[in-house]
Amino acid sequence: MEAARKLVLVVAAVLVVVACINVEVSDAQTICNVSVNNLMSCKPAVTKPNPSRPTKTCCSVLSHADLKCLCSYRNSNLLPSLGIDPNLAMQLPAKCKLPHPANC
């Protein structure tokens, strides 16, 4: 379960960084084998005060991501400073019923 939380934290951190840079993002730009635009579909599920359930689109995006790669972002301190709730982010893989990578 903790691995899932770390993975979600990583995904959320990546989403927030992209949003804060204010760079026009195309579908060609990817992080861990997933387009940045597609990763943004998960942002409503990790943002307070009223997070939504992860959508089918969000879960599908995460299911195609290189989860070990996303784990490499797990120690980011950006989430809270960017409005992403780390606890909500860590719940995404479990909510999406995704397998958890080893050593994440």
PDB file of N, CA and C in Angstrom:
ATOM      1  N   MET A   1       0.826  -1.194   0.000  1.00  0.00           N
ATOM      2  CA  MET A   1       0.000   0.000   0.000  1.00  0.00           C
ATOM      3  C   MET A   1       0.865   1.252   0.000  1.00  0.00           C
ATOM      4  N   GLU A   2       1.986   1.201   0.740  1.00  0.00           N
ATOM      5  CA  GLU A   2       2.847   2.370   0.778  1.00  0.00           C
ATOM      6  C   GLU A   2       3.489   2.621  -0.582  1.00  0.00           C
ATOM      7  N   ALA A   3       3.791   1.571  -1.301  1.00  0.00           N
ATOM      8  CA  ALA A   3       4.358   1.731  -2.635  1.00  0.00           C
ATOM      9  C   ALA A   3       3.366   2.451  -3.534  1.00  0.00           C
ATOM     10  N   ALA A   4       2.108   2.119  -3.398  1.00  0.00           N
ATOM     11  CA  ALA A   4       1.073   2.772  -4.192  1.00  0.00           C
ATOM     12  C   ALA A   4       1.003   4.251  -3.847  1.00  0.00           C
ATOM     13  N   ARG A   5       1.118   4.560  -2.605  1.00  0.00           N
ATOM     14  CA  ARG A   5       1.064   5.959  -2.181  1.00  0.00           C
ATOM     15  C   ARG A   5       2.231   6.747  -2.747  1.00  0.00           C
ATOM     16  N   LYS A   6       3.382   6.141  -2.725  1.00  0.00           N
ATOM     17  CA  LYS A   6       4.553   6.818  -3.266  1.00  0.00           C
ATOM     18  C   LYS A   6       4.403   7.029  -4.763  1.00  0.00           C
ATOM     19  N   LEU A   7       3.863   6.043  -5.443  1.00  0.00           N
ATOM     20  CA  LEU A   7       3.666   6.152  -6.884  1.00  0.00           C
ATOM     21  C   LEU A   7       2.721   7.287  -7.221  1.00  0.00           C
ATOM     22  N   VAL A   8       1.644   7.391  -6.496  1.00  0.00           N
ATOM     23  CA  VAL A   8       0.678   8.446  -6.746  1.00  0.00           C
ATOM     24  C   VAL A   8       1.296   9.801  -6.461  1.00  0.00           C
ATOM     25  N   LEU A   9       2.079   9.871  -5.428  1.00  0.00           N
ATOM     26  CA  LEU A   9       2.767  11.112  -5.089  1.00  0.00           C
ATOM     27  C   LEU A   9       3.651  11.551  -6.252  1.00  0.00           C
ATOM     28  N   VAL A  10       4.318  10.608  -6.836  1.00  0.00           N
ATOM     29  CA  VAL A  10       5.177  10.895  -7.969  1.00  0.00           C
ATOM     30  C   VAL A  10       4.356  11.401  -9.150  1.00  0.00           C
ATOM     31  N   VAL A  11       3.282  10.735  -9.447  1.00  0.00           N
ATOM     32  CA  VAL A  11       2.429  11.138 -10.568  1.00  0.00           C
ATOM     33  C   VAL A  11       1.906  12.545 -10.341  1.00  0.00           C
ATOM     34  N   ALA A  12       1.441  12.809  -9.154  1.00  0.00           N
ATOM     35  CA  ALA A  12       0.910  14.134  -8.849  1.00  0.00           C
ATOM     36  C   ALA A  12       1.996  15.206  -8.943  1.00  0.00           C
ATOM     37  N   ALA A  13       3.192  14.889  -8.489  1.00  0.00           N
ATOM     38  CA  ALA A  13       4.285  15.857  -8.555  1.00  0.00           C
ATOM     39  C   ALA A  13       4.588  16.228  -9.998  1.00  0.00           C
ATOM     40  N   VAL A  14       4.602  15.241 -10.843  1.00  0.00           N
ATOM     41  CA  VAL A  14       4.873  15.490 -12.254  1.00  0.00           C
ATOM     42  C   VAL A  14       3.782  16.373 -12.849  1.00  0.00           C
ATOM     43  N   LEU A  15       2.542  16.086 -12.515  1.00  0.00           N
ATOM     44  CA  LEU A  15       1.424  16.872 -13.028  1.00  0.00           C
ATOM     45  C   LEU A  15       1.523  18.325 -12.596  1.00  0.00           C
ATOM     46  N   VAL A  16       1.851  18.530 -11.359  1.00  0.00           N
ATOM     47  CA  VAL A  16       1.911  19.883 -10.822  1.00  0.00           C
ATOM     48  C   VAL A  16       3.065  20.674 -11.415  1.00  0.00           C
ATOM     49  N   VAL A  17       4.185  20.041 -11.560  1.00  0.00           N
ATOM     50  CA  VAL A  17       5.339  20.732 -12.136  1.00  0.00           C
ATOM     51  C   VAL A  17       4.999  21.219 -13.535  1.00  0.00           C
ATOM     52  N   VAL A  18       4.386  20.371 -14.303  1.00  0.00           N
ATOM     53  CA  VAL A  18       4.019  20.747 -15.669  1.00  0.00           C
ATOM     54  C   VAL A  18       3.036  21.917 -15.648  1.00  0.00           C
ATOM     55  N   ALA A  19       2.065  21.875 -14.774  1.00  0.00           N
ATOM     56  CA  ALA A  19       1.064  22.937 -14.706  1.00  0.00           C
ATOM     57  C   ALA A  19       1.685  24.262 -14.264  1.00  0.00           C
ATOM     58  N   CYS A  20       2.626  24.213 -13.356  1.00  0.00           N
ATOM     59  CA  CYS A  20       3.219  25.437 -12.814  1.00  0.00           C
ATOM     60  C   CYS A  20       4.215  26.095 -13.747  1.00  0.00           C
ATOM     61  N   ILE A  21       4.779  25.367 -14.624  1.00  0.00           N
ATOM     62  CA  ILE A  21       5.757  25.931 -15.541  1.00  0.00           C
ATOM     63  C   ILE A  21       5.080  26.813 -16.584  1.00  0.00           C
ATOM     64  N   ASN A  22       3.791  26.590 -16.797  1.00  0.00           N
ATOM     65  CA  ASN A  22       3.025  27.339 -17.792  1.00  0.00           C
ATOM     66  C   ASN A  22       3.612  27.210 -19.187  1.00  0.00           C
ATOM     67  N   VAL A  23       4.020  26.018 -19.497  1.00  0.00           N
ATOM     68  CA  VAL A  23       4.559  25.722 -20.816  1.00  0.00           C
ATOM     69  C   VAL A  23       3.474  25.022 -21.611  1.00  0.00           C
ATOM     70  N   GLU A  24       3.370  25.392 -22.865  1.00  0.00           N
ATOM     71  CA  GLU A  24       2.409  24.700 -23.718  1.00  0.00           C
ATOM     72  C   GLU A  24       2.902  23.280 -23.902  1.00  0.00           C
ATOM     73  N   VAL A  25       2.064  22.336 -23.526  1.00  0.00           N
ATOM     74  CA  VAL A  25       2.451  20.944 -23.549  1.00  0.00           C
ATOM     75  C   VAL A  25       1.737  20.240 -24.690  1.00  0.00           C
ATOM     76  N   SER A  26       2.492  19.509 -25.457  1.00  0.00           N
ATOM     77  CA  SER A  26       1.887  18.743 -26.535  1.00  0.00           C
ATOM     78  C   SER A  26       1.819  17.280 -26.137  1.00  0.00           C
ATOM     79  N   ASP A  27       1.004  16.510 -26.875  1.00  0.00           N
ATOM     80  CA  ASP A  27       0.896  15.097 -26.601  1.00  0.00           C
ATOM     81  C   ASP A  27       2.215  14.373 -26.811  1.00  0.00           C
ATOM     82  N   ALA A  28       3.134  14.978 -27.540  1.00  0.00           N
ATOM     83  CA  ALA A  28       4.414  14.338 -27.813  1.00  0.00           C
ATOM     84  C   ALA A  28       5.322  14.325 -26.591  1.00  0.00           C
ATOM     85  N   GLN A  29       5.117  15.204 -25.632  1.00  0.00           N
ATOM     86  CA  GLN A  29       5.942  15.239 -24.432  1.00  0.00           C
ATOM     87  C   GLN A  29       5.472  14.162 -23.474  1.00  0.00           C
ATOM     88  N   THR A  30       6.406  13.317 -23.045  1.00  0.00           N
ATOM     89  CA  THR A  30       6.037  12.208 -22.176  1.00  0.00           C
ATOM     90  C   THR A  30       6.895  12.167 -20.924  1.00  0.00           C
ATOM     91  N   ILE A  31       6.328  11.561 -19.916  1.00  0.00           N
ATOM     92  CA  ILE A  31       7.031  11.249 -18.681  1.00  0.00           C
ATOM     93  C   ILE A  31       6.694   9.798 -18.371  1.00  0.00           C
ATOM     94  N   CYS A  32       7.709   8.986 -18.254  1.00  0.00           N
ATOM     95  CA  CYS A  32       7.531   7.574 -17.910  1.00  0.00           C
ATOM     96  C   CYS A  32       6.564   6.869 -18.860  1.00  0.00           C
ATOM     97  N   ASN A  33       6.726   7.147 -20.153  1.00  0.00           N
ATOM     98  CA  ASN A  33       5.958   6.514 -21.235  1.00  0.00           C
ATOM     99  C   ASN A  33       4.499   6.960 -21.325  1.00  0.00           C
ATOM    100  N   VAL A  34       4.154   8.066 -20.698  1.00  0.00           N
ATOM    101  CA  VAL A  34       2.786   8.583 -20.742  1.00  0.00           C
ATOM    102  C   VAL A  34       2.849  10.073 -21.081  1.00  0.00           C
ATOM    103  N   SER A  35       1.947  10.520 -21.932  1.00  0.00           N
ATOM    104  CA  SER A  35       1.960  11.943 -22.265  1.00  0.00           C
ATOM    105  C   SER A  35       1.584  12.766 -21.041  1.00  0.00           C
ATOM    106  N   VAL A  36       2.183  13.928 -20.966  1.00  0.00           N
ATOM    107  CA  VAL A  36       1.911  14.832 -19.843  1.00  0.00           C
ATOM    108  C   VAL A  36       0.434  15.229 -19.836  1.00  0.00           C
ATOM    109  N   ASN A  37      -0.130  15.475 -21.011  1.00  0.00           N
ATOM    110  CA  ASN A  37      -1.554  15.823 -21.074  1.00  0.00           C
ATOM    111  C   ASN A  37      -2.415  14.727 -20.479  1.00  0.00           C
ATOM    112  N   ASN A  38      -2.078  13.481 -20.753  1.00  0.00           N
ATOM    113  CA  ASN A  38      -2.855  12.380 -20.196  1.00  0.00           C
ATOM    114  C   ASN A  38      -2.699  12.289 -18.685  1.00  0.00           C
ATOM    115  N   LEU A  39      -1.499  12.527 -18.175  1.00  0.00           N
ATOM    116  CA  LEU A  39      -1.296  12.499 -16.726  1.00  0.00           C
ATOM    117  C   LEU A  39      -2.146  13.555 -16.013  1.00  0.00           C
ATOM    118  N   MET A  40      -2.393  14.660 -16.695  1.00  0.00           N
ATOM    119  CA  MET A  40      -3.194  15.720 -16.083  1.00  0.00           C
ATOM    120  C   MET A  40      -4.625  15.269 -15.782  1.00  0.00           C
ATOM    121  N   SER A  41      -5.070  14.195 -16.388  1.00  0.00           N
ATOM    122  CA  SER A  41      -6.416  13.695 -16.113  1.00  0.00           C
ATOM    123  C   SER A  41      -6.566  13.218 -14.670  1.00  0.00           C
ATOM    124  N   CYS A  42      -5.470  12.995 -13.981  1.00  0.00           N
ATOM    125  CA  CYS A  42      -5.516  12.532 -12.589  1.00  0.00           C
ATOM    126  C   CYS A  42      -5.537  13.670 -11.568  1.00  0.00           C
ATOM    127  N   LYS A  43      -5.253  14.875 -11.981  1.00  0.00           N
ATOM    128  CA  LYS A  43      -5.128  15.986 -11.029  1.00  0.00           C
ATOM    129  C   LYS A  43      -6.374  16.208 -10.161  1.00  0.00           C
ATOM    130  N   PRO A  44      -7.595  16.142 -10.692  1.00  0.00           N
ATOM    131  CA  PRO A  44      -8.764  16.365  -9.820  1.00  0.00           C
ATOM    132  C   PRO A  44      -8.879  15.360  -8.671  1.00  0.00           C
ATOM    133  N   ALA A  45      -8.297  14.186  -8.822  1.00  0.00           N
ATOM    134  CA  ALA A  45      -8.383  13.156  -7.786  1.00  0.00           C
ATOM    135  C   ALA A  45      -7.375  13.356  -6.657  1.00  0.00           C
ATOM    136  N   VAL A  46      -6.451  14.283  -6.825  1.00  0.00           N
ATOM    137  CA  VAL A  46      -5.418  14.490  -5.811  1.00  0.00           C
ATOM    138  C   VAL A  46      -5.389  15.919  -5.298  1.00  0.00           C
ATOM    139  N   THR A  47      -6.448  16.658  -5.546  1.00  0.00           N
ATOM    140  CA  THR A  47      -6.518  18.062  -5.148  1.00  0.00           C
ATOM    141  C   THR A  47      -7.653  18.279  -4.153  1.00  0.00           C
ATOM    142  N   LYS A  48      -7.319  18.910  -3.021  1.00  0.00           N
ATOM    143  CA  LYS A  48      -8.323  19.262  -2.018  1.00  0.00           C
ATOM    144  C   LYS A  48      -8.990  20.558  -2.416  1.00  0.00           C
ATOM    145  N   PRO A  49     -10.113  20.949  -1.876  1.00  0.00           N
ATOM    146  CA  PRO A  49     -10.803  20.358  -0.737  1.00  0.00           C
ATOM    147  C   PRO A  49     -11.792  19.255  -1.118  1.00  0.00           C
ATOM    148  N   ASN A  50     -12.159  19.143  -2.363  1.00  0.00           N
ATOM    149  CA  ASN A  50     -13.150  18.144  -2.773  1.00  0.00           C
ATOM    150  C   ASN A  50     -12.605  17.282  -3.902  1.00  0.00           C
ATOM    151  N   PRO A  51     -11.679  16.381  -3.571  1.00  0.00           N
ATOM    152  CA  PRO A  51     -11.116  15.554  -4.638  1.00  0.00           C
ATOM    153  C   PRO A  51     -12.184  14.632  -5.222  1.00  0.00           C
ATOM    154  N   SER A  52     -12.081  14.427  -6.509  1.00  0.00           N
ATOM    155  CA  SER A  52     -13.010  13.501  -7.159  1.00  0.00           C
ATOM    156  C   SER A  52     -12.409  12.099  -7.121  1.00  0.00           C
ATOM    157  N   ARG A  53     -13.230  11.126  -7.459  1.00  0.00           N
ATOM    158  CA  ARG A  53     -12.706   9.774  -7.617  1.00  0.00           C
ATOM    159  C   ARG A  53     -11.861   9.777  -8.885  1.00  0.00           C
ATOM    160  N   PRO A  54     -10.837   8.930  -8.927  1.00  0.00           N
ATOM    161  CA  PRO A  54     -10.078   8.887 -10.174  1.00  0.00           C
ATOM    162  C   PRO A  54     -10.975   8.380 -11.300  1.00  0.00           C
ATOM    163  N   THR A  55     -10.888   9.029 -12.414  1.00  0.00           N
ATOM    164  CA  THR A  55     -11.716   8.649 -13.558  1.00  0.00           C
ATOM    165  C   THR A  55     -11.144   7.403 -14.232  1.00  0.00           C
ATOM    166  N   LYS A  56     -11.959   6.816 -15.089  1.00  0.00           N
ATOM    167  CA  LYS A  56     -11.473   5.676 -15.876  1.00  0.00           C
ATOM    168  C   LYS A  56     -10.290   6.103 -16.727  1.00  0.00           C
ATOM    169  N   THR A  57     -10.347   7.335 -17.212  1.00  0.00           N
ATOM    170  CA  THR A  57      -9.248   7.858 -18.017  1.00  0.00           C
ATOM    171  C   THR A  57      -7.970   7.936 -17.199  1.00  0.00           C
ATOM    172  N   CYS A  58      -8.063   8.474 -16.004  1.00  0.00           N
ATOM    173  CA  CYS A  58      -6.900   8.574 -15.120  1.00  0.00           C
ATOM    174  C   CYS A  58      -6.312   7.193 -14.856  1.00  0.00           C
ATOM    175  N   CYS A  59      -7.150   6.252 -14.479  1.00  0.00           N
ATOM    176  CA  CYS A  59      -6.674   4.903 -14.166  1.00  0.00           C
ATOM    177  C   CYS A  59      -6.070   4.232 -15.397  1.00  0.00           C
ATOM    178  N   SER A  60      -6.662   4.468 -16.550  1.00  0.00           N
ATOM    179  CA  SER A  60      -6.124   3.909 -17.785  1.00  0.00           C
ATOM    180  C   SER A  60      -4.744   4.483 -18.075  1.00  0.00           C
ATOM    181  N   VAL A  61      -4.608   5.779 -17.880  1.00  0.00           N
ATOM    182  CA  VAL A  61      -3.314   6.433 -18.091  1.00  0.00           C
ATOM    183  C   VAL A  61      -2.269   5.816 -17.166  1.00  0.00           C
ATOM    184  N   LEU A  62      -2.603   5.688 -15.888  1.00  0.00           N
ATOM    185  CA  LEU A  62      -1.647   5.118 -14.941  1.00  0.00           C
ATOM    186  C   LEU A  62      -1.312   3.674 -15.273  1.00  0.00           C
ATOM    187  N   SER A  63      -2.280   2.942 -15.795  1.00  0.00           N
ATOM    188  CA  SER A  63      -2.033   1.534 -16.127  1.00  0.00           C
ATOM    189  C   SER A  63      -1.046   1.378 -17.278  1.00  0.00           C
ATOM    190  N   HIS A  64      -0.883   2.398 -18.094  1.00  0.00           N
ATOM    191  CA  HIS A  64       0.054   2.353 -19.213  1.00  0.00           C
ATOM    192  C   HIS A  64       1.399   3.002 -18.894  1.00  0.00           C
ATOM    193  N   ALA A  65       1.502   3.596 -17.735  1.00  0.00           N
ATOM    194  CA  ALA A  65       2.740   4.269 -17.345  1.00  0.00           C
ATOM    195  C   ALA A  65       3.789   3.260 -16.880  1.00  0.00           C
ATOM    196  N   ASP A  66       5.034   3.659 -16.990  1.00  0.00           N
ATOM    197  CA  ASP A  66       6.136   2.883 -16.428  1.00  0.00           C
ATOM    198  C   ASP A  66       6.159   3.222 -14.935  1.00  0.00           C
ATOM    199  N   LEU A  67       5.564   2.352 -14.140  1.00  0.00           N
ATOM    200  CA  LEU A  67       5.390   2.641 -12.719  1.00  0.00           C
ATOM    201  C   LEU A  67       6.715   2.737 -11.976  1.00  0.00           C
ATOM    202  N   LYS A  68       7.694   1.947 -12.359  1.00  0.00           N
ATOM    203  CA  LYS A  68       9.010   2.062 -11.717  1.00  0.00           C
ATOM    204  C   LYS A  68       9.624   3.427 -12.012  1.00  0.00           C
ATOM    205  N   CYS A  69       9.436   3.909 -13.214  1.00  0.00           N
ATOM    206  CA  CYS A  69       9.924   5.240 -13.572  1.00  0.00           C
ATOM    207  C   CYS A  69       9.228   6.295 -12.714  1.00  0.00           C
ATOM    208  N   LEU A  70       7.914   6.192 -12.586  1.00  0.00           N
ATOM    209  CA  LEU A  70       7.186   7.157 -11.766  1.00  0.00           C
ATOM    210  C   LEU A  70       7.648   7.117 -10.315  1.00  0.00           C
ATOM    211  N   CYS A  71       8.025   5.946  -9.848  1.00  0.00           N
ATOM    212  CA  CYS A  71       8.529   5.825  -8.471  1.00  0.00           C
ATOM    213  C   CYS A  71       9.795   6.653  -8.249  1.00  0.00           C
ATOM    214  N   SER A  72      10.547   6.879  -9.301  1.00  0.00           N
ATOM    215  CA  SER A  72      11.784   7.637  -9.152  1.00  0.00           C
ATOM    216  C   SER A  72      11.517   9.088  -8.748  1.00  0.00           C
ATOM    217  N   TYR A  73      10.284   9.547  -8.867  1.00  0.00           N
ATOM    218  CA  TYR A  73       9.909  10.911  -8.485  1.00  0.00           C
ATOM    219  C   TYR A  73       9.297  10.987  -7.079  1.00  0.00           C
ATOM    220  N   ARG A  74       9.272   9.909  -6.357  1.00  0.00           N
ATOM    221  CA  ARG A  74       8.503   9.818  -5.114  1.00  0.00           C
ATOM    222  C   ARG A  74       8.932  10.737  -3.985  1.00  0.00           C
ATOM    223  N   ASN A  75      10.154  11.209  -3.983  1.00  0.00           N
ATOM    224  CA  ASN A  75      10.635  12.027  -2.870  1.00  0.00           C
ATOM    225  C   ASN A  75      10.479  13.522  -3.103  1.00  0.00           C
ATOM    226  N   SER A  76       9.665  13.900  -4.047  1.00  0.00           N
ATOM    227  CA  SER A  76       9.474  15.311  -4.362  1.00  0.00           C
ATOM    228  C   SER A  76       8.796  16.044  -3.210  1.00  0.00           C
ATOM    229  N   ASN A  77       9.243  17.262  -2.956  1.00  0.00           N
ATOM    230  CA  ASN A  77       8.624  18.116  -1.943  1.00  0.00           C
ATOM    231  C   ASN A  77       7.661  19.118  -2.565  1.00  0.00           C
ATOM    232  N   LEU A  78       7.417  18.999  -3.840  1.00  0.00           N
ATOM    233  CA  LEU A  78       6.597  19.964  -4.548  1.00  0.00           C
ATOM    234  C   LEU A  78       5.101  19.817  -4.300  1.00  0.00           C
ATOM    235  N   LEU A  79       4.642  18.630  -4.019  1.00  0.00           N
ATOM    236  CA  LEU A  79       3.198  18.404  -3.956  1.00  0.00           C
ATOM    237  C   LEU A  79       2.444  19.368  -3.047  1.00  0.00           C
ATOM    238  N   PRO A  80       2.782  19.431  -1.770  1.00  0.00           N
ATOM    239  CA  PRO A  80       2.024  20.329  -0.900  1.00  0.00           C
ATOM    240  C   PRO A  80       2.116  21.794  -1.334  1.00  0.00           C
ATOM    241  N   SER A  81       3.267  22.193  -1.841  1.00  0.00           N
ATOM    242  CA  SER A  81       3.424  23.588  -2.246  1.00  0.00           C
ATOM    243  C   SER A  81       2.630  23.914  -3.503  1.00  0.00           C
ATOM    244  N   LEU A  82       2.189  22.899  -4.224  1.00  0.00           N
ATOM    245  CA  LEU A  82       1.449  23.107  -5.454  1.00  0.00           C
ATOM    246  C   LEU A  82      -0.024  22.739  -5.353  1.00  0.00           C
ATOM    247  N   GLY A  83      -0.494  22.520  -4.126  1.00  0.00           N
ATOM    248  CA  GLY A  83      -1.903  22.236  -3.930  1.00  0.00           C
ATOM    249  C   GLY A  83      -2.294  20.780  -4.076  1.00  0.00           C
ATOM    250  N   ILE A  84      -1.327  19.905  -4.216  1.00  0.00           N
ATOM    251  CA  ILE A  84      -1.608  18.475  -4.314  1.00  0.00           C
ATOM    252  C   ILE A  84      -1.496  17.875  -2.923  1.00  0.00           C
ATOM    253  N   ASP A  85      -2.512  17.129  -2.533  1.00  0.00           N
ATOM    254  CA  ASP A  85      -2.496  16.466  -1.240  1.00  0.00           C
ATOM    255  C   ASP A  85      -1.743  15.136  -1.382  1.00  0.00           C
ATOM    256  N   PRO A  86      -0.605  15.001  -0.712  1.00  0.00           N
ATOM    257  CA  PRO A  86       0.181  13.770  -0.837  1.00  0.00           C
ATOM    258  C   PRO A  86      -0.589  12.513  -0.442  1.00  0.00           C
ATOM    259  N   ASN A  87      -1.428  12.614   0.569  1.00  0.00           N
ATOM    260  CA  ASN A  87      -2.205  11.444   0.987  1.00  0.00           C
ATOM    261  C   ASN A  87      -3.168  11.000  -0.106  1.00  0.00           C
ATOM    262  N   LEU A  88      -3.808  11.955  -0.745  1.00  0.00           N
ATOM    263  CA  LEU A  88      -4.705  11.616  -1.849  1.00  0.00           C
ATOM    264  C   LEU A  88      -3.918  11.026  -3.016  1.00  0.00           C
ATOM    265  N   ALA A  89      -2.771  11.600  -3.290  1.00  0.00           N
ATOM    266  CA  ALA A  89      -1.945  11.117  -4.389  1.00  0.00           C
ATOM    267  C   ALA A  89      -1.502   9.672  -4.151  1.00  0.00           C
ATOM    268  N   MET A  90      -1.156   9.348  -2.931  1.00  0.00           N
ATOM    269  CA  MET A  90      -0.693   8.006  -2.616  1.00  0.00           C
ATOM    270  C   MET A  90      -1.804   6.958  -2.696  1.00  0.00           C
ATOM    271  N   GLN A  91      -3.042   7.387  -2.696  1.00  0.00           N
ATOM    272  CA  GLN A  91      -4.167   6.454  -2.764  1.00  0.00           C
ATOM    273  C   GLN A  91      -4.558   6.073  -4.191  1.00  0.00           C
ATOM    274  N   LEU A  92      -4.070   6.799  -5.183  1.00  0.00           N
ATOM    275  CA  LEU A  92      -4.503   6.554  -6.559  1.00  0.00           C
ATOM    276  C   LEU A  92      -4.280   5.130  -7.064  1.00  0.00           C
ATOM    277  N   PRO A  93      -3.095   4.556  -6.923  1.00  0.00           N
ATOM    278  CA  PRO A  93      -2.928   3.199  -7.459  1.00  0.00           C
ATOM    279  C   PRO A  93      -3.917   2.202  -6.859  1.00  0.00           C
ATOM    280  N   ALA A  94      -4.127   2.267  -5.570  1.00  0.00           N
ATOM    281  CA  ALA A  94      -5.082   1.345  -4.946  1.00  0.00           C
ATOM    282  C   ALA A  94      -6.496   1.602  -5.456  1.00  0.00           C
ATOM    283  N   LYS A  95      -6.858   2.853  -5.590  1.00  0.00           N
ATOM    284  CA  LYS A  95      -8.191   3.189  -6.096  1.00  0.00           C
ATOM    285  C   LYS A  95      -8.370   2.744  -7.545  1.00  0.00           C
ATOM    286  N   CYS A  96      -7.290   2.710  -8.275  1.00  0.00           N
ATOM    287  CA  CYS A  96      -7.337   2.271  -9.673  1.00  0.00           C
ATOM    288  C   CYS A  96      -7.090   0.764  -9.814  1.00  0.00           C
ATOM    289  N   LYS A  97      -6.861   0.101  -8.692  1.00  0.00           N
ATOM    290  CA  LYS A  97      -6.619  -1.350  -8.675  1.00  0.00           C
ATOM    291  C   LYS A  97      -5.448  -1.739  -9.577  1.00  0.00           C
ATOM    292  N   LEU A  98      -4.362  -1.008  -9.426  1.00  0.00           N
ATOM    293  CA  LEU A  98      -3.171  -1.258 -10.225  1.00  0.00           C
ATOM    294  C   LEU A  98      -2.158  -2.091  -9.440  1.00  0.00           C
ATOM    295  N   PRO A  99      -1.375  -2.901 -10.137  1.00  0.00           N
ATOM    296  CA  PRO A  99      -0.311  -3.639  -9.461  1.00  0.00           C
ATOM    297  C   PRO A  99       0.783  -2.662  -9.012  1.00  0.00           C
ATOM    298  N   HIS A 100       1.414  -2.982  -7.925  1.00  0.00           N
ATOM    299  CA  HIS A 100       2.433  -2.099  -7.382  1.00  0.00           C
ATOM    300  C   HIS A 100       3.807  -2.625  -7.736  1.00  0.00           C
ATOM    301  N   PRO A 101       4.663  -1.756  -8.281  1.00  0.00           N
ATOM    302  CA  PRO A 101       6.015  -2.208  -8.631  1.00  0.00           C
ATOM    303  C   PRO A 101       6.822  -2.545  -7.380  1.00  0.00           C
ATOM    304  N   ALA A 102       7.665  -3.531  -7.511  1.00  0.00           N
ATOM    305  CA  ALA A 102       8.531  -3.911  -6.393  1.00  0.00           C
ATOM    306  C   ALA A 102       9.537  -2.802  -6.120  1.00  0.00           C
ATOM    307  N   ASN A 103       9.913  -2.662  -4.882  1.00  0.00           N
ATOM    308  CA  ASN A 103      10.921  -1.682  -4.453  1.00  0.00           C
ATOM    309  C   ASN A 103      10.577  -0.251  -4.821  1.00  0.00           C
ATOM    310  N   CYS A 104       9.334   0.080  -4.757  1.00  0.00           N
ATOM    311  CA  CYS A 104       8.927   1.447  -5.046  1.00  0.00           C
ATOM    312  C   CYS A 104       8.836   2.214  -3.749  1.00  0.00           C
TER     313      CYS A 104
END
